[in-house]
Amino acid sequence: MMMGTLGRYFFMRYVITTFWFLVGIFSLVFIIDFSEQASRLANLPRYSISGALLMTALRIPLILQQTIPFVALFSAMAALISLNRRYELVVTRAAGISVWQFLRPFILGSFLFGVLAVVALNPLAAWGTKRGEALLAEWGSTRNADAGSIPWLRQIYNGTDTIIGARSVQDNGTTLLNVTVIHFDPQGTIIRRQDAASAKLEDGYWLLNDVTETRNGQLPQRLKTAQLATNLKPEFVQERLAKADSIQFFDLPRKIEVARSFGFSTNGMETQFHSMLSLPLLLVAMTLIAACVSLKFSRFNQSRSVILGGILSGFVLYVVTVLVKAFGSSGIVPPFVAAWLPVVVAMALGSTILLNQEDG
């Protein structure tokens, strides 16, 4: 009975601390990102202050998703240090409750925090990214919201070899903005170039709008619309141009299967999928690291070097996780290993340090 009541109390302390950390980070990120977006996009034709506020709100979930591991680390450290300064952990230990027992609410809270980030924040971030790109297009921008790399497609159809490039992608790749189409003859010589404001993939053709067509030895010709025959399917284009981190967690298994059916590499999407699966345990590892540096009793001032060591340890774990994830996306390391190895190692190290500190 005592542990149940105490466990609920510790759990609520962790939840409240995490909530206020999220509120603080949300406010800080909102102000910084709004200022950056306003200065970068203010020259667009249909830009407005209300639109910039909406754009920032749409981007916030994606940015928050990157900060989740640090929120879990700082929340656990702040909650444990606060409990220590109030003698609550001292009384808990004096009652014969071990560190592994009173850490359970914090571990459970961090695990549920990770689950919530996967099932709620990740889909919201994916939706916000797509909506933000559409909003940029409405303002007249020809760049992606994240200023990503320029996509290129190559198609060979009806004896013609064509390369299609664009500055921005919408609707999962079926709509391209600021498009350049280069046509080659069978000998590989450029015979025609088309520059269009946009291109939309229809049934059996690309519909080009506001086209400037240039042929060898001829003056450029302006066309309102033009059609480019294609055998590309929307599913193929979507998988070819989709970014792994822009796909919500629940769509990743289906996207992986579709990409495999087209012969595309699925390393990036598989790594992203396993990274999402391992996120709750990554937050548990962050909590164990926080416990390693926050359980030593101090009434007034916790050792600054110990706290700094915990922050650096969490930062190193995050950097290693991102680095190994990049190796998994490029195929150097199997995606499963890239996503799970740092988490397992961090949990093992955190548990070992706690065992040494508490149980000798």
Protein backbone atom coordinates (compact mmCIF):
# COMPACT_ATOMS: atom_id res chain seq x y z
CA MET A 1 0.00 0.00 0.00
CA MET A 2 2.78 2.42 0.93
CA MET A 3 4.74 1.73 -2.25
CA GLY A 4 1.57 2.14 -4.35
CA THR A 5 0.85 5.57 -2.88
CA LEU A 6 4.50 6.59 -3.03
CA GLY A 7 4.82 5.30 -6.58
CA ARG A 8 1.84 7.36 -7.73
CA TYR A 9 3.31 10.42 -6.03
CA PHE A 10 6.70 9.98 -7.71
CA PHE A 11 5.01 9.29 -11.05
CA MET A 12 2.96 12.49 -10.84
CA ARG A 13 6.06 14.49 -9.88
CA TYR A 14 7.80 13.17 -12.99
CA VAL A 15 4.77 13.90 -15.20
CA ILE A 16 4.41 17.46 -13.90
CA THR A 17 8.13 18.16 -14.30
CA THR A 18 8.09 16.78 -17.85
CA PHE A 19 5.03 18.87 -18.71
CA TRP A 20 6.68 22.11 -17.60
CA PHE A 21 9.86 21.25 -19.47
CA LEU A 22 7.78 20.71 -22.62
CA VAL A 23 5.96 24.01 -22.09
CA GLY A 24 9.25 25.84 -21.66
CA ILE A 25 10.86 24.26 -24.73
CA PHE A 26 7.70 24.85 -26.79
CA SER A 27 7.70 28.56 -25.87
CA LEU A 28 11.40 28.99 -26.55
CA VAL A 29 11.32 27.12 -29.86
CA PHE A 30 8.18 28.97 -30.97
CA ILE A 31 9.77 32.39 -30.43
CA ILE A 32 13.07 31.46 -32.11
CA ASP A 33 11.49 29.65 -35.07
CA PHE A 34 8.92 32.40 -35.66
CA SER A 35 11.69 35.01 -35.79
CA GLU A 36 13.71 32.86 -38.20
CA GLN A 37 10.71 32.12 -40.44
CA ALA A 38 9.62 35.74 -40.49
CA SER A 39 13.04 36.97 -41.62
CA ARG A 40 13.42 34.21 -44.22
CA LEU A 41 9.94 34.26 -45.77
CA ALA A 42 8.84 37.88 -45.40
CA ASN A 43 9.62 38.64 -49.08
CA LEU A 44 7.20 36.02 -50.44
CA PRO A 45 4.20 37.45 -52.36
CA ARG A 46 1.41 36.12 -50.09
CA TYR A 47 3.28 36.13 -46.78
CA SER A 48 1.38 37.27 -43.66
CA ILE A 49 2.05 37.42 -39.92
CA SER A 50 -0.85 35.09 -39.16
CA GLY A 51 0.49 32.67 -41.78
CA ALA A 52 3.95 32.81 -40.20
CA LEU A 53 2.44 31.98 -36.80
CA LEU A 54 0.63 29.03 -38.38
CA MET A 55 3.81 27.90 -40.14
CA THR A 56 5.72 27.95 -36.85
CA ALA A 57 2.95 26.02 -35.09
CA LEU A 58 3.07 23.38 -37.84
CA ARG A 59 6.85 23.02 -37.46
CA ILE A 60 6.87 22.80 -33.66
CA PRO A 61 5.99 19.05 -33.43
CA LEU A 62 8.91 18.14 -35.73
CA ILE A 63 11.34 20.21 -33.66
CA LEU A 64 9.96 18.89 -30.37
CA GLN A 65 10.42 15.36 -31.66
CA GLN A 66 14.17 16.00 -31.86
CA THR A 67 14.31 17.26 -28.27
CA ILE A 68 12.38 14.40 -26.63
CA PRO A 69 15.49 12.49 -25.38
CA PHE A 70 16.85 15.63 -23.69
CA VAL A 71 13.44 16.42 -22.16
CA ALA A 72 13.39 12.94 -20.63
CA LEU A 73 16.95 13.39 -19.29
CA PHE A 74 16.43 16.84 -17.77
CA SER A 75 12.98 15.98 -16.38
CA ALA A 76 14.30 12.94 -14.53
CA MET A 77 17.31 14.87 -13.22
CA ALA A 78 15.18 17.80 -12.06
CA ALA A 79 12.59 15.57 -10.37
CA LEU A 80 15.17 13.43 -8.56
CA ILE A 81 17.27 16.40 -7.42
CA SER A 82 14.11 18.12 -6.12
CA LEU A 83 13.09 15.00 -4.19
CA ASN A 84 16.60 14.76 -2.74
CA ARG A 85 16.63 18.35 -1.53
CA ARG A 86 13.30 17.83 0.26
CA TYR A 87 14.60 14.71 2.03
CA GLU A 88 11.90 12.65 0.34
CA LEU A 89 14.36 10.18 -1.16
CA VAL A 90 16.18 9.99 2.18
CA VAL A 91 12.94 9.04 3.93
CA THR A 92 12.15 6.58 1.15
CA ARG A 93 15.51 4.86 1.57
CA ALA A 94 15.09 4.87 5.36
CA ALA A 95 11.79 3.02 4.91
CA GLY A 96 13.71 0.16 3.30
CA ILE A 97 12.67 0.89 -0.28
CA SER A 98 15.50 0.22 -2.71
CA VAL A 99 16.54 2.45 -5.58
CA TRP A 100 15.13 -0.06 -8.06
CA GLN A 101 11.72 0.22 -6.42
CA PHE A 102 11.40 4.00 -6.22
CA LEU A 103 12.84 4.40 -9.74
CA ARG A 104 10.02 2.33 -11.22
CA PRO A 105 7.60 5.30 -11.49
CA PHE A 106 10.26 7.33 -13.31
CA ILE A 107 11.09 4.46 -15.66
CA LEU A 108 7.39 3.87 -16.33
CA GLY A 109 6.84 7.60 -16.92
CA SER A 110 9.73 7.84 -19.38
CA PHE A 111 8.56 4.72 -21.22
CA LEU A 112 5.01 6.07 -21.55
CA PHE A 113 6.45 9.42 -22.63
CA GLY A 114 8.30 7.63 -25.42
CA VAL A 115 5.18 5.71 -26.47
CA LEU A 116 3.19 8.96 -26.58
CA ALA A 117 5.92 10.57 -28.72
CA VAL A 118 5.74 7.68 -31.19
CA VAL A 119 1.96 7.30 -31.49
CA ALA A 120 0.93 10.97 -31.19
CA LEU A 121 3.79 13.43 -31.71
CA ASN A 122 5.36 11.64 -34.70
CA PRO A 123 2.14 11.52 -36.82
CA LEU A 124 1.44 15.14 -35.88
CA ALA A 125 4.97 16.12 -36.96
CA ALA A 126 4.58 14.31 -40.30
CA TRP A 127 1.22 16.00 -40.94
CA GLY A 128 2.57 19.41 -39.93
CA THR A 129 5.55 19.03 -42.30
CA LYS A 130 3.28 18.29 -45.27
CA ARG A 131 0.88 21.08 -44.39
CA GLY A 132 3.77 23.50 -43.99
CA GLU A 133 5.11 22.66 -47.45
CA ALA A 134 1.65 23.27 -48.92
CA LEU A 135 1.45 26.61 -47.10
CA LEU A 136 4.83 27.63 -48.51
CA ALA A 137 3.62 26.82 -52.02
CA GLU A 138 0.53 28.98 -51.45
CA TRP A 139 2.81 31.86 -50.51
CA GLY A 140 4.70 31.49 -53.78
CA SER A 141 7.81 29.74 -52.49
CA THR A 142 9.65 27.25 -54.70
CA ARG A 143 11.62 25.70 -51.87
CA ASN A 144 10.84 22.90 -49.48
CA ALA A 145 10.02 23.83 -45.89
CA ASP A 146 13.22 22.14 -44.79
CA ALA A 147 15.28 23.29 -47.81
CA GLY A 148 16.08 19.71 -48.65
CA SER A 149 18.01 18.39 -51.62
CA ILE A 150 16.66 18.79 -55.16
CA PRO A 151 14.84 15.65 -56.32
CA TRP A 152 15.59 14.12 -59.73
CA LEU A 153 13.70 11.45 -61.67
CA ARG A 154 14.72 9.64 -64.82
CA GLN A 155 12.27 7.92 -67.13
CA ILE A 156 12.68 6.04 -70.43
CA TYR A 157 9.38 5.73 -72.24
CA ASN A 158 8.38 5.38 -75.91
CA GLY A 159 12.03 5.57 -76.97
CA THR A 160 12.70 8.89 -75.21
CA ASP A 161 15.08 9.40 -72.33
CA THR A 162 14.01 12.17 -69.94
CA ILE A 163 15.34 13.61 -66.71
CA ILE A 164 12.93 15.54 -64.46
CA GLY A 165 14.19 17.84 -61.72
CA ALA A 166 12.32 20.09 -59.29
CA ARG A 167 12.99 22.57 -56.52
CA SER A 168 10.12 21.42 -54.32
CA VAL A 169 7.90 18.38 -53.83
CA GLN A 170 4.29 18.23 -52.67
CA ASP A 171 1.55 15.61 -52.34
CA ASN A 172 4.10 12.86 -51.61
CA GLY A 173 5.91 13.50 -54.89
CA THR A 174 2.98 13.68 -57.33
CA THR A 175 3.23 17.49 -57.56
CA LEU A 176 6.54 19.18 -58.39
CA LEU A 177 7.31 22.91 -58.33
CA ASN A 178 9.82 24.88 -60.39
CA VAL A 179 10.39 21.96 -62.72
CA THR A 180 13.12 21.35 -65.29
CA VAL A 181 12.66 18.59 -67.90
CA ILE A 182 15.60 17.61 -70.13
CA HIS A 183 15.02 15.39 -73.19
CA PHE A 184 17.73 13.22 -74.78
CA ASP A 185 17.87 11.42 -78.11
CA PRO A 186 19.01 7.74 -78.37
CA GLN A 187 22.62 8.93 -78.72
CA GLY A 188 22.43 10.79 -75.40
CA THR A 189 22.39 14.31 -76.90
CA ILE A 190 20.14 16.96 -75.36
CA ILE A 191 17.43 17.84 -77.88
CA ARG A 192 14.94 19.81 -75.80
CA ARG A 193 14.52 21.48 -72.42
CA GLN A 194 11.28 22.43 -70.69
CA ASP A 195 11.09 24.72 -67.67
CA ALA A 196 7.70 24.74 -65.92
CA ALA A 197 6.25 26.40 -62.86
CA SER A 198 4.74 23.08 -61.76
CA ALA A 199 4.15 19.51 -62.87
CA LYS A 200 1.40 17.17 -61.68
CA LEU A 201 1.43 13.43 -62.26
CA GLU A 202 -1.80 12.39 -63.96
CA ASP A 203 -2.84 9.03 -65.40
CA GLY A 204 -0.13 8.29 -67.96
CA TYR A 205 1.41 11.76 -68.25
CA TRP A 206 2.92 14.72 -66.43
CA LEU A 207 0.87 17.89 -66.80
CA LEU A 208 3.29 20.84 -67.05
CA ASN A 209 2.01 24.37 -66.36
CA ASP A 210 3.46 27.71 -67.47
CA VAL A 211 6.12 26.11 -69.67
CA THR A 212 9.13 27.61 -71.41
CA GLU A 213 10.34 25.19 -74.09
CA THR A 214 13.80 25.47 -75.65
CA ARG A 215 15.04 23.46 -78.66
CA ASN A 216 18.45 23.44 -80.32
CA GLY A 217 18.77 26.31 -82.77
CA GLN A 218 15.33 27.79 -81.96
CA LEU A 219 14.03 30.64 -79.85
CA PRO A 220 12.35 29.70 -76.54
CA GLN A 221 8.61 29.11 -76.81
CA ARG A 222 6.07 29.85 -74.08
CA LEU A 223 3.25 27.37 -73.51
CA LYS A 224 0.42 27.53 -71.01
CA THR A 225 0.41 23.76 -70.54
CA ALA A 226 2.22 20.76 -71.95
CA GLN A 227 2.00 17.01 -71.46
CA LEU A 228 4.91 14.64 -70.95
CA ALA A 229 4.00 10.99 -71.47
CA THR A 230 5.17 8.71 -68.66
CA ASN A 231 4.84 5.19 -67.38
CA LEU A 232 5.62 6.23 -63.82
CA LYS A 233 2.97 5.37 -61.24
CA PRO A 234 2.10 7.61 -58.29
CA GLU A 235 3.19 4.89 -55.85
CA PHE A 236 6.59 4.67 -57.54
CA VAL A 237 7.13 8.43 -57.45
CA GLN A 238 6.02 8.65 -53.84
CA GLU A 239 8.49 5.99 -52.75
CA ARG A 240 11.27 7.46 -54.88
CA LEU A 241 10.95 10.97 -53.45
CA ALA A 242 9.70 10.30 -49.92
CA LYS A 243 12.01 11.07 -46.99
CA ALA A 244 12.05 8.53 -44.17
CA ASP A 245 11.69 11.10 -41.40
CA SER A 246 8.65 12.69 -43.12
CA ILE A 247 6.63 9.43 -43.01
CA GLN A 248 4.56 8.83 -39.93
CA PHE A 249 5.28 5.75 -37.85
CA PHE A 250 2.09 3.84 -38.71
CA ASP A 251 2.70 4.20 -42.47
CA LEU A 252 6.31 3.01 -42.40
CA PRO A 253 5.66 -0.79 -42.62
CA ARG A 254 3.47 -0.34 -45.71
CA LYS A 255 5.92 2.10 -47.28
CA ILE A 256 8.78 -0.32 -46.71
CA GLU A 257 6.91 -3.13 -48.48
CA VAL A 258 5.98 -0.88 -51.41
CA ALA A 259 9.56 0.38 -51.74
CA ARG A 260 10.85 -3.20 -51.77
CA SER A 261 8.38 -4.12 -54.51
CA PHE A 262 9.86 -1.34 -56.68
CA GLY A 263 13.42 -2.41 -55.91
CA PHE A 264 14.31 0.68 -53.86
CA SER A 265 16.64 0.60 -50.88
CA THR A 266 14.64 0.56 -47.66
CA ASN A 267 17.55 1.14 -45.27
CA GLY A 268 16.44 4.66 -44.40
CA MET A 269 12.82 3.74 -43.69
CA GLU A 270 13.75 0.59 -41.78
CA THR A 271 16.18 2.55 -39.63
CA GLN A 272 13.53 5.18 -38.97
CA PHE A 273 10.99 2.47 -38.08
CA HIS A 274 13.30 0.74 -35.60
CA SER A 275 14.37 4.11 -34.18
CA MET A 276 10.74 4.88 -33.42
CA LEU A 277 10.27 1.44 -31.86
CA SER A 278 13.34 1.90 -29.67
CA LEU A 279 12.49 5.48 -28.60
CA PRO A 280 10.64 4.48 -25.37
CA LEU A 281 13.64 2.42 -24.26
CA LEU A 282 16.00 5.25 -25.24
CA LEU A 283 14.11 7.50 -22.83
CA VAL A 284 14.39 4.80 -20.16
CA ALA A 285 18.16 4.81 -20.76
CA MET A 286 18.18 8.60 -20.37
CA THR A 287 16.32 8.19 -17.05
CA LEU A 288 18.89 5.68 -15.80
CA ILE A 289 21.68 8.11 -16.73
CA ALA A 290 19.84 10.86 -14.82
CA ALA A 291 19.52 8.58 -11.80
CA CYS A 292 23.26 7.85 -11.84
CA VAL A 293 24.06 11.52 -11.24
CA SER A 294 21.05 12.65 -9.17
CA LEU A 295 20.60 10.15 -6.32
CA LYS A 296 23.49 11.28 -4.11
CA PHE A 297 21.98 13.31 -1.27
CA SER A 298 22.68 17.05 -1.14
CA ARG A 299 20.49 19.42 0.85
CA PHE A 300 21.38 22.66 -0.91
CA ASN A 301 23.69 22.27 -3.91
CA GLN A 302 24.05 19.20 -6.04
CA SER A 303 27.59 18.72 -7.34
CA ARG A 304 27.89 20.76 -10.50
CA SER A 305 30.48 18.40 -11.94
CA VAL A 306 28.15 15.43 -11.41
CA ILE A 307 25.23 17.20 -13.08
CA LEU A 308 27.44 18.30 -15.96
CA GLY A 309 28.64 14.71 -16.31
CA GLY A 310 25.04 13.52 -16.60
CA ILE A 311 24.24 16.14 -19.25
CA LEU A 312 27.38 15.26 -21.22
CA SER A 313 26.59 11.54 -20.96
CA GLY A 314 23.08 12.11 -22.31
CA PHE A 315 24.43 14.31 -25.09
CA VAL A 316 27.02 11.70 -26.07
CA LEU A 317 24.33 9.01 -26.12
CA TYR A 318 22.16 11.18 -28.37
CA VAL A 319 25.04 11.95 -30.75
CA VAL A 320 26.03 8.29 -30.96
CA THR A 321 22.41 7.34 -31.62
CA VAL A 322 22.11 9.86 -34.47
CA LEU A 323 25.49 8.85 -35.91
CA VAL A 324 24.73 5.13 -35.87
CA LYS A 325 21.29 5.88 -37.32
CA ALA A 326 23.02 7.61 -40.25
CA PHE A 327 25.17 4.51 -40.74
CA GLY A 328 22.01 2.40 -40.79
CA SER A 329 20.29 4.67 -43.32
CA SER A 330 23.29 4.44 -45.65
CA GLY A 331 23.46 0.65 -45.37
CA ILE A 332 26.83 0.50 -43.58
CA VAL A 333 25.18 -1.03 -40.50
CA PRO A 334 22.00 -3.19 -40.53
CA PRO A 335 19.01 -0.94 -39.62
CA PHE A 336 17.97 -3.12 -36.68
CA VAL A 337 21.47 -2.97 -35.17
CA ALA A 338 21.79 0.77 -35.85
CA ALA A 339 18.58 1.56 -33.97
CA TRP A 340 18.83 -0.83 -31.03
CA LEU A 341 22.54 -1.18 -30.24
CA PRO A 342 23.07 2.31 -28.67
CA VAL A 343 19.90 1.91 -26.60
CA VAL A 344 20.85 -1.53 -25.26
CA VAL A 345 24.41 -0.44 -24.47
CA ALA A 346 23.22 2.72 -22.69
CA MET A 347 20.69 0.81 -20.60
CA ALA A 348 23.31 -1.78 -19.67
CA LEU A 349 25.82 0.91 -18.66
CA GLY A 350 23.26 2.87 -16.65
CA SER A 351 22.11 -0.26 -14.81
CA THR A 352 25.71 -1.28 -14.12
CA ILE A 353 26.61 2.13 -12.66
CA LEU A 354 23.50 2.12 -10.46
CA LEU A 355 24.26 -1.40 -9.27
CA ASN A 356 27.79 -0.33 -8.35
CA GLN A 357 26.60 2.83 -6.58
CA GLU A 358 23.67 1.36 -4.68
CA ASP A 359 24.50 -2.30 -4.18
CA GLY A 360 28.28 -2.21 -4.21
